[in-house]
Amino acid sequence: MTRFKTFGLLAAPALALAALSGCATPFKADVARFQQLPAPAGQSFAVVADDPRLAGGLEFQHYADLVGQRLAQTGYVAASDPARADLIVRVAYDVDNGREKVRSTNWGPDPFFYGGYAGYPGWGWRGRWGRPWGYGFYDPFLFGPGGGYNDVTSYTVYTSDLSLKIDRAADNRRLFEGKASAQSLSNKLTYLVPNLIDAMFTNFPGQNGESVKITLPPEKKG
């Protein structure tokens, strides 16, 4: 869950905060792939959990079905009997606990705050709120270093990962290894994992040893 902490009383830097919210900002997934896959010719596959903690869960099965759909679109066929599958597809995913980042926003001085107003030396007006002040008033967010608007915002960034491995069942030879990673303000696996799967299967299986950046869509708000 995204966490925000805002310090200061001024509303203008909220524009910067909105830019960080992730509500309308895409993020990029870094995808690395190594592969020696033969051209698809109807080989059967079975999707299994590469992490034992994920095995047997309904959530994992949902993501396994998504992987299976993408493999089927590529030309492979889901095995009716996983024990007889030509390819074993191993999937794992995770999201970390996040790390906090701090962002500082400085806006230039507002001429209505300095040098008096309407012929009254030493007086100013908070032009946005219509409240006057006189000598002795000091607002560190206005008159501090740099003047103008000063705002510090902290937010949490999460890193999510998806790994995909494909082995030939006959001899356990590794044919494909891929990893997709992304940074986001969301830690919802139901949002992250499908997007990472989409990133993994963009131009699948890709070139051996390639690292590419895939732009993921922003989180949809229900």
C-alpha atoms as a PDB file:
ATOM      1  CA  MET A   1       0.000   0.000   0.000  1.00  0.00           C
ATOM      2  CA  THR A   2       1.375   3.396  -0.909  1.00  0.00           C
ATOM      3  CA  ARG A   3       2.291   5.646   1.997  1.00  0.00           C
ATOM      4  CA  PHE A   4       2.782   9.411   1.807  1.00  0.00           C
ATOM      5  CA  LYS A   5       3.958  11.909   4.413  1.00  0.00           C
ATOM      6  CA  THR A   6       3.838  15.606   3.648  1.00  0.00           C
ATOM      7  CA  PHE A   7       5.538  18.347   5.636  1.00  0.00           C
ATOM      8  CA  GLY A   8       4.458  21.974   5.290  1.00  0.00           C
ATOM      9  CA  LEU A   9       1.213  23.888   4.973  1.00  0.00           C
ATOM     10  CA  LEU A  10       1.280  25.011   1.360  1.00  0.00           C
ATOM     11  CA  ALA A  11      -0.984  23.425  -1.212  1.00  0.00           C
ATOM     12  CA  ALA A  12       0.863  24.264  -4.430  1.00  0.00           C
ATOM     13  CA  PRO A  13       3.409  21.390  -4.244  1.00  0.00           C
ATOM     14  CA  ALA A  14       0.479  18.969  -4.373  1.00  0.00           C
ATOM     15  CA  LEU A  15       0.997  19.055  -8.133  1.00  0.00           C
ATOM     16  CA  ALA A  16       4.340  17.365  -7.647  1.00  0.00           C
ATOM     17  CA  LEU A  17       2.763  14.847  -5.283  1.00  0.00           C
ATOM     18  CA  ALA A  18       0.152  13.975  -7.877  1.00  0.00           C
ATOM     19  CA  ALA A  19       2.899  13.241 -10.347  1.00  0.00           C
ATOM     20  CA  LEU A  20       4.305  10.672  -7.910  1.00  0.00           C
ATOM     21  CA  SER A  21       1.023   9.010  -7.053  1.00  0.00           C
ATOM     22  CA  GLY A  22       1.208   6.322  -9.718  1.00  0.00           C
ATOM     23  CA  CYS A  23      -2.474   6.866 -10.518  1.00  0.00           C
ATOM     24  CA  ALA A  24      -1.676   8.045 -14.029  1.00  0.00           C
ATOM     25  CA  THR A  25       2.058   7.463 -14.397  1.00  0.00           C
ATOM     26  CA  PRO A  26       3.331   4.391 -16.267  1.00  0.00           C
ATOM     27  CA  PHE A  27       6.456   2.679 -15.010  1.00  0.00           C
ATOM     28  CA  LYS A  28       9.041   0.594 -16.813  1.00  0.00           C
ATOM     29  CA  ALA A  29       9.942  -3.051 -16.303  1.00  0.00           C
ATOM     30  CA  ASP A  30      13.503  -4.219 -16.861  1.00  0.00           C
ATOM     31  CA  VAL A  31      13.453  -7.590 -18.634  1.00  0.00           C
ATOM     32  CA  ALA A  32      16.470  -9.884 -19.074  1.00  0.00           C
ATOM     33  CA  ARG A  33      16.143 -13.048 -21.165  1.00  0.00           C
ATOM     34  CA  PHE A  34      18.431 -15.954 -22.025  1.00  0.00           C
ATOM     35  CA  GLN A  35      17.045 -18.541 -24.354  1.00  0.00           C
ATOM     36  CA  GLN A  36      17.727 -21.546 -26.564  1.00  0.00           C
ATOM     37  CA  LEU A  37      14.095 -22.389 -27.203  1.00  0.00           C
ATOM     38  CA  PRO A  38      13.299 -24.304 -30.379  1.00  0.00           C
ATOM     39  CA  ALA A  39      10.636 -22.810 -32.612  1.00  0.00           C
ATOM     40  CA  PRO A  40       7.182 -23.642 -31.253  1.00  0.00           C
ATOM     41  CA  ALA A  41       5.705 -26.655 -33.019  1.00  0.00           C
ATOM     42  CA  GLY A  42       2.943 -27.745 -30.697  1.00  0.00           C
ATOM     43  CA  GLN A  43       5.178 -28.805 -27.788  1.00  0.00           C
ATOM     44  CA  SER A  44       3.153 -29.333 -24.622  1.00  0.00           C
ATOM     45  CA  PHE A  45       3.897 -27.513 -21.397  1.00  0.00           C
ATOM     46  CA  ALA A  46       2.984 -27.514 -17.723  1.00  0.00           C
ATOM     47  CA  VAL A  47       3.326 -24.473 -15.452  1.00  0.00           C
ATOM     48  CA  VAL A  48       4.591 -25.116 -11.914  1.00  0.00           C
ATOM     49  CA  ALA A  49       5.673 -22.938  -8.991  1.00  0.00           C
ATOM     50  CA  ASP A  50       9.422 -22.401  -8.755  1.00  0.00           C
ATOM     51  CA  ASP A  51       8.922 -21.314  -5.141  1.00  0.00           C
ATOM     52  CA  PRO A  52       7.386 -24.067  -2.956  1.00  0.00           C
ATOM     53  CA  ARG A  53       5.626 -21.406  -0.877  1.00  0.00           C
ATOM     54  CA  LEU A  54       3.507 -20.512  -3.913  1.00  0.00           C
ATOM     55  CA  ALA A  55       2.555 -24.047  -4.915  1.00  0.00           C
ATOM     56  CA  GLY A  56      -1.079 -25.099  -4.581  1.00  0.00           C
ATOM     57  CA  GLY A  57      -2.500 -21.621  -4.001  1.00  0.00           C
ATOM     58  CA  LEU A  58      -5.408 -20.177  -5.937  1.00  0.00           C
ATOM     59  CA  GLU A  59      -3.489 -16.960  -6.455  1.00  0.00           C
ATOM     60  CA  PHE A  60      -0.579 -18.790  -8.056  1.00  0.00           C
ATOM     61  CA  GLN A  61      -2.950 -20.771 -10.248  1.00  0.00           C
ATOM     62  CA  HIS A  62      -4.432 -17.512 -11.527  1.00  0.00           C
ATOM     63  CA  TYR A  63      -1.009 -16.229 -12.576  1.00  0.00           C
ATOM     64  CA  ALA A  64      -0.055 -19.659 -13.967  1.00  0.00           C
ATOM     65  CA  ASP A  65      -3.148 -19.495 -16.191  1.00  0.00           C
ATOM     66  CA  LEU A  66      -2.018 -16.087 -17.477  1.00  0.00           C
ATOM     67  CA  VAL A  67       1.412 -17.508 -18.319  1.00  0.00           C
ATOM     68  CA  GLY A  68      -0.253 -20.476 -20.010  1.00  0.00           C
ATOM     69  CA  GLN A  69      -2.404 -18.176 -22.132  1.00  0.00           C
ATOM     70  CA  ARG A  70       0.652 -16.271 -23.339  1.00  0.00           C
ATOM     71  CA  LEU A  71       2.516 -19.487 -24.144  1.00  0.00           C
ATOM     72  CA  ALA A  72      -0.494 -20.779 -26.079  1.00  0.00           C
ATOM     73  CA  GLN A  73      -0.545 -17.551 -28.096  1.00  0.00           C
ATOM     74  CA  THR A  74       3.096 -18.189 -28.951  1.00  0.00           C
ATOM     75  CA  GLY A  75       2.367 -21.663 -30.330  1.00  0.00           C
ATOM     76  CA  TYR A  76       2.811 -24.049 -27.407  1.00  0.00           C
ATOM     77  CA  VAL A  77       0.027 -26.292 -26.091  1.00  0.00           C
ATOM     78  CA  ALA A  78      -1.027 -26.828 -22.479  1.00  0.00           C
ATOM     79  CA  ALA A  79      -0.478 -30.479 -21.520  1.00  0.00           C
ATOM     80  CA  SER A  80      -3.583 -32.468 -20.659  1.00  0.00           C
ATOM     81  CA  ASP A  81      -1.363 -34.495 -18.317  1.00  0.00           C
ATOM     82  CA  PRO A  82       1.371 -32.368 -16.680  1.00  0.00           C
ATOM     83  CA  ALA A  83       3.412 -35.526 -16.053  1.00  0.00           C
ATOM     84  CA  ARG A  84       3.727 -35.992 -19.820  1.00  0.00           C
ATOM     85  CA  ALA A  85       4.491 -32.393 -20.748  1.00  0.00           C
ATOM     86  CA  ASP A  86       7.368 -31.680 -23.130  1.00  0.00           C
ATOM     87  CA  LEU A  87       8.266 -28.458 -21.308  1.00  0.00           C
ATOM     88  CA  ILE A  88       8.201 -27.598 -17.597  1.00  0.00           C
ATOM     89  CA  VAL A  89       7.591 -23.881 -17.024  1.00  0.00           C
ATOM     90  CA  ARG A  90       8.694 -22.658 -13.601  1.00  0.00           C
ATOM     91  CA  VAL A  91       7.269 -19.371 -12.321  1.00  0.00           C
ATOM     92  CA  ALA A  92       8.039 -17.307  -9.224  1.00  0.00           C
ATOM     93  CA  TYR A  93       7.174 -13.749  -8.216  1.00  0.00           C
ATOM     94  CA  ASP A  94       7.652 -11.422  -5.269  1.00  0.00           C
ATOM     95  CA  VAL A  95       7.425  -7.821  -4.108  1.00  0.00           C
ATOM     96  CA  ASP A  96       9.686  -6.368  -1.412  1.00  0.00           C
ATOM     97  CA  ASN A  97       8.740  -4.346   1.659  1.00  0.00           C
ATOM     98  CA  GLY A  98       9.581  -1.094  -0.077  1.00  0.00           C
ATOM     99  CA  ARG A  99      12.005   1.664   0.742  1.00  0.00           C
ATOM    100  CA  GLU A 100      11.212   5.233   1.611  1.00  0.00           C
ATOM    101  CA  LYS A 101      12.384   8.079  -0.602  1.00  0.00           C
ATOM    102  CA  VAL A 102      12.261  11.800   0.079  1.00  0.00           C
ATOM    103  CA  ARG A 103      11.553  14.468  -2.509  1.00  0.00           C
ATOM    104  CA  SER A 104      12.014  18.199  -2.003  1.00  0.00           C
ATOM    105  CA  THR A 105      10.116  20.743  -4.097  1.00  0.00           C
ATOM    106  CA  ASN A 106      11.138  24.414  -4.215  1.00  0.00           C
ATOM    107  CA  TRP A 107       9.017  27.035  -5.961  1.00  0.00           C
ATOM    108  CA  GLY A 108      10.169  30.576  -6.726  1.00  0.00           C
ATOM    109  CA  PRO A 109       9.105  33.573  -4.624  1.00  0.00           C
ATOM    110  CA  ASP A 110       5.653  35.018  -5.146  1.00  0.00           C
ATOM    111  CA  PRO A 111       5.828  38.802  -5.766  1.00  0.00           C
ATOM    112  CA  PHE A 112       2.698  39.273  -3.644  1.00  0.00           C
ATOM    113  CA  PHE A 113       4.641  38.083  -0.607  1.00  0.00           C
ATOM    114  CA  TYR A 114       7.473  40.596  -0.847  1.00  0.00           C
ATOM    115  CA  GLY A 115       7.999  44.376  -0.890  1.00  0.00           C
ATOM    116  CA  GLY A 116       4.584  45.398   0.333  1.00  0.00           C
ATOM    117  CA  TYR A 117       1.326  45.592  -1.550  1.00  0.00           C
ATOM    118  CA  ALA A 118      -0.970  48.398  -2.701  1.00  0.00           C
ATOM    119  CA  GLY A 119       1.314  51.114  -1.308  1.00  0.00           C
ATOM    120  CA  TYR A 120       1.674  49.726   2.215  1.00  0.00           C
ATOM    121  CA  PRO A 121       5.440  49.354   2.855  1.00  0.00           C
ATOM    122  CA  GLY A 122       6.421  46.411   5.005  1.00  0.00           C
ATOM    123  CA  TRP A 123       3.044  44.737   4.585  1.00  0.00           C
ATOM    124  CA  GLY A 124       2.162  41.860   2.319  1.00  0.00           C
ATOM    125  CA  TRP A 125      -0.842  39.767   1.482  1.00  0.00           C
ATOM    126  CA  ARG A 126      -1.232  36.076   1.200  1.00  0.00           C
ATOM    127  CA  GLY A 127      -2.640  36.570  -2.242  1.00  0.00           C
ATOM    128  CA  ARG A 128      -4.118  33.080  -2.444  1.00  0.00           C
ATOM    129  CA  TRP A 129      -5.953  33.295   0.864  1.00  0.00           C
ATOM    130  CA  GLY A 130      -6.433  37.063   1.333  1.00  0.00           C
ATOM    131  CA  ARG A 131      -4.903  37.211   4.841  1.00  0.00           C
ATOM    132  CA  PRO A 132      -2.537  40.141   5.629  1.00  0.00           C
ATOM    133  CA  TRP A 133       0.463  40.128   7.914  1.00  0.00           C
ATOM    134  CA  GLY A 134       2.662  42.852   9.359  1.00  0.00           C
ATOM    135  CA  TYR A 135       6.154  43.212  10.725  1.00  0.00           C
ATOM    136  CA  GLY A 136       7.375  40.367  12.841  1.00  0.00           C
ATOM    137  CA  PHE A 137       5.639  37.629  10.811  1.00  0.00           C
ATOM    138  CA  TYR A 138       7.990  34.877   9.698  1.00  0.00           C
ATOM    139  CA  ASP A 139       7.085  31.827   7.698  1.00  0.00           C
ATOM    140  CA  PRO A 140      10.072  29.501   7.147  1.00  0.00           C
ATOM    141  CA  PHE A 141       8.371  27.948   4.124  1.00  0.00           C
ATOM    142  CA  LEU A 142       8.189  31.346   2.443  1.00  0.00           C
ATOM    143  CA  PHE A 143      11.248  33.189   3.719  1.00  0.00           C
ATOM    144  CA  GLY A 144      13.594  30.249   4.289  1.00  0.00           C
ATOM    145  CA  PRO A 145      16.414  29.259   1.952  1.00  0.00           C
ATOM    146  CA  GLY A 146      15.373  29.807  -1.637  1.00  0.00           C
ATOM    147  CA  GLY A 147      12.150  31.573  -0.666  1.00  0.00           C
ATOM    148  CA  GLY A 148       8.829  30.734  -2.235  1.00  0.00           C
ATOM    149  CA  TYR A 149       7.338  27.297  -1.741  1.00  0.00           C
ATOM    150  CA  ASN A 150       9.366  24.680   0.093  1.00  0.00           C
ATOM    151  CA  ASP A 151       7.893  21.207   0.448  1.00  0.00           C
ATOM    152  CA  VAL A 152       9.325  17.840   1.450  1.00  0.00           C
ATOM    153  CA  THR A 153       7.402  14.675   0.594  1.00  0.00           C
ATOM    154  CA  SER A 154       8.285  11.111   1.501  1.00  0.00           C
ATOM    155  CA  TYR A 155       6.904   8.133  -0.364  1.00  0.00           C
ATOM    156  CA  THR A 156       7.512   4.379  -0.550  1.00  0.00           C
ATOM    157  CA  VAL A 157       8.843   2.631  -3.656  1.00  0.00           C
ATOM    158  CA  TYR A 158       8.351  -1.115  -4.058  1.00  0.00           C
ATOM    159  CA  THR A 159      10.395  -3.443  -6.259  1.00  0.00           C
ATOM    160  CA  SER A 160       8.602  -6.425  -7.788  1.00  0.00           C
ATOM    161  CA  ASP A 161      10.120  -9.377  -9.628  1.00  0.00           C
ATOM    162  CA  LEU A 162       8.909 -12.179 -11.864  1.00  0.00           C
ATOM    163  CA  SER A 163      11.106 -15.107 -12.914  1.00  0.00           C
ATOM    164  CA  LEU A 164      10.291 -17.565 -15.692  1.00  0.00           C
ATOM    165  CA  LYS A 165      12.292 -20.722 -16.443  1.00  0.00           C
ATOM    166  CA  ILE A 166      11.552 -23.337 -19.060  1.00  0.00           C
ATOM    167  CA  ASP A 167      13.166 -26.790 -18.953  1.00  0.00           C
ATOM    168  CA  ARG A 168      12.922 -29.654 -21.399  1.00  0.00           C
ATOM    169  CA  ALA A 169      11.251 -32.455 -19.457  1.00  0.00           C
ATOM    170  CA  ALA A 170      13.109 -35.271 -21.200  1.00  0.00           C
ATOM    171  CA  ASP A 171      16.557 -34.295 -19.886  1.00  0.00           C
ATOM    172  CA  ASN A 172      15.919 -31.251 -17.632  1.00  0.00           C
ATOM    173  CA  ARG A 173      17.911 -29.044 -19.990  1.00  0.00           C
ATOM    174  CA  ARG A 174      17.305 -25.350 -19.389  1.00  0.00           C
ATOM    175  CA  LEU A 175      15.920 -23.693 -22.517  1.00  0.00           C
ATOM    176  CA  PHE A 176      14.823 -20.302 -21.208  1.00  0.00           C
ATOM    177  CA  GLU A 177      15.560 -18.030 -18.264  1.00  0.00           C
ATOM    178  CA  GLY A 178      13.883 -14.660 -17.869  1.00  0.00           C
ATOM    179  CA  LYS A 179      13.483 -12.065 -15.170  1.00  0.00           C
ATOM    180  CA  ALA A 180      11.273  -8.982 -15.148  1.00  0.00           C
ATOM    181  CA  SER A 181      11.631  -6.315 -12.447  1.00  0.00           C
ATOM    182  CA  ALA A 182       9.773  -3.065 -11.895  1.00  0.00           C
ATOM    183  CA  GLN A 183       9.608  -0.235  -9.384  1.00  0.00           C
ATOM    184  CA  SER A 184       6.200   1.071  -8.420  1.00  0.00           C
ATOM    185  CA  LEU A 185       4.284   2.973  -5.765  1.00  0.00           C
ATOM    186  CA  SER A 186       1.967  -0.048  -5.584  1.00  0.00           C
ATOM    187  CA  ASN A 187       2.687  -3.345  -3.837  1.00  0.00           C
ATOM    188  CA  LYS A 188      -0.445  -5.114  -5.092  1.00  0.00           C
ATOM    189  CA  LEU A 189       0.523  -8.413  -6.662  1.00  0.00           C
ATOM    190  CA  THR A 190      -2.808  -8.538  -8.498  1.00  0.00           C
ATOM    191  CA  TYR A 191      -1.662  -5.427 -10.369  1.00  0.00           C
ATOM    192  CA  LEU A 192       2.069  -6.081 -10.610  1.00  0.00           C
ATOM    193  CA  VAL A 193       2.277  -9.747 -11.625  1.00  0.00           C
ATOM    194  CA  PRO A 194      -0.028  -9.561 -14.700  1.00  0.00           C
ATOM    195  CA  ASN A 195       1.898  -6.520 -15.919  1.00  0.00           C
ATOM    196  CA  LEU A 196       5.230  -8.254 -15.381  1.00  0.00           C
ATOM    197  CA  ILE A 197       3.924 -11.269 -17.290  1.00  0.00           C
ATOM    198  CA  ASP A 198       2.953  -8.949 -20.149  1.00  0.00           C
ATOM    199  CA  ALA A 199       6.449  -7.451 -20.051  1.00  0.00           C
ATOM    200  CA  MET A 200       8.074 -10.895 -20.067  1.00  0.00           C
ATOM    201  CA  PHE A 201       6.075 -11.995 -23.104  1.00  0.00           C
ATOM    202  CA  THR A 202       6.572  -8.831 -25.134  1.00  0.00           C
ATOM    203  CA  ASN A 203       8.443 -10.073 -28.238  1.00  0.00           C
ATOM    204  CA  PHE A 204       8.884 -13.433 -26.493  1.00  0.00           C
ATOM    205  CA  PRO A 205      11.268 -15.251 -26.362  1.00  0.00           C
ATOM    206  CA  GLY A 206      13.506 -12.392 -27.476  1.00  0.00           C
ATOM    207  CA  GLN A 207      17.207 -12.489 -28.259  1.00  0.00           C
ATOM    208  CA  ASN A 208      19.559 -14.565 -26.161  1.00  0.00           C
ATOM    209  CA  GLY A 209      21.244 -12.377 -23.551  1.00  0.00           C
ATOM    210  CA  GLU A 210      19.120  -9.293 -24.183  1.00  0.00           C
ATOM    211  CA  SER A 211      18.054  -6.730 -21.591  1.00  0.00           C
ATOM    212  CA  VAL A 212      15.152  -4.494 -22.561  1.00  0.00           C
ATOM    213  CA  LYS A 213      12.871  -1.939 -20.932  1.00  0.00           C
ATOM    214  CA  ILE A 214       9.129  -2.462 -21.275  1.00  0.00           C
ATOM    215  CA  THR A 215       6.668   0.296 -20.349  1.00  0.00           C
ATOM    216  CA  LEU A 216       3.855  -0.965 -18.138  1.00  0.00           C
ATOM    217  CA  PRO A 217       0.460   0.781 -17.935  1.00  0.00           C
ATOM    218  CA  PRO A 218      -0.548   2.697 -14.795  1.00  0.00           C
ATOM    219  CA  GLU A 219      -2.633   1.044 -12.124  1.00  0.00           C
ATOM    220  CA  LYS A 220      -6.347   1.203 -12.819  1.00  0.00           C
ATOM    221  CA  LYS A 221      -8.409   2.582  -9.982  1.00  0.00           C
ATOM    222  CA  GLY A 222     -11.713   0.852  -9.379  1.00  0.00           C
END
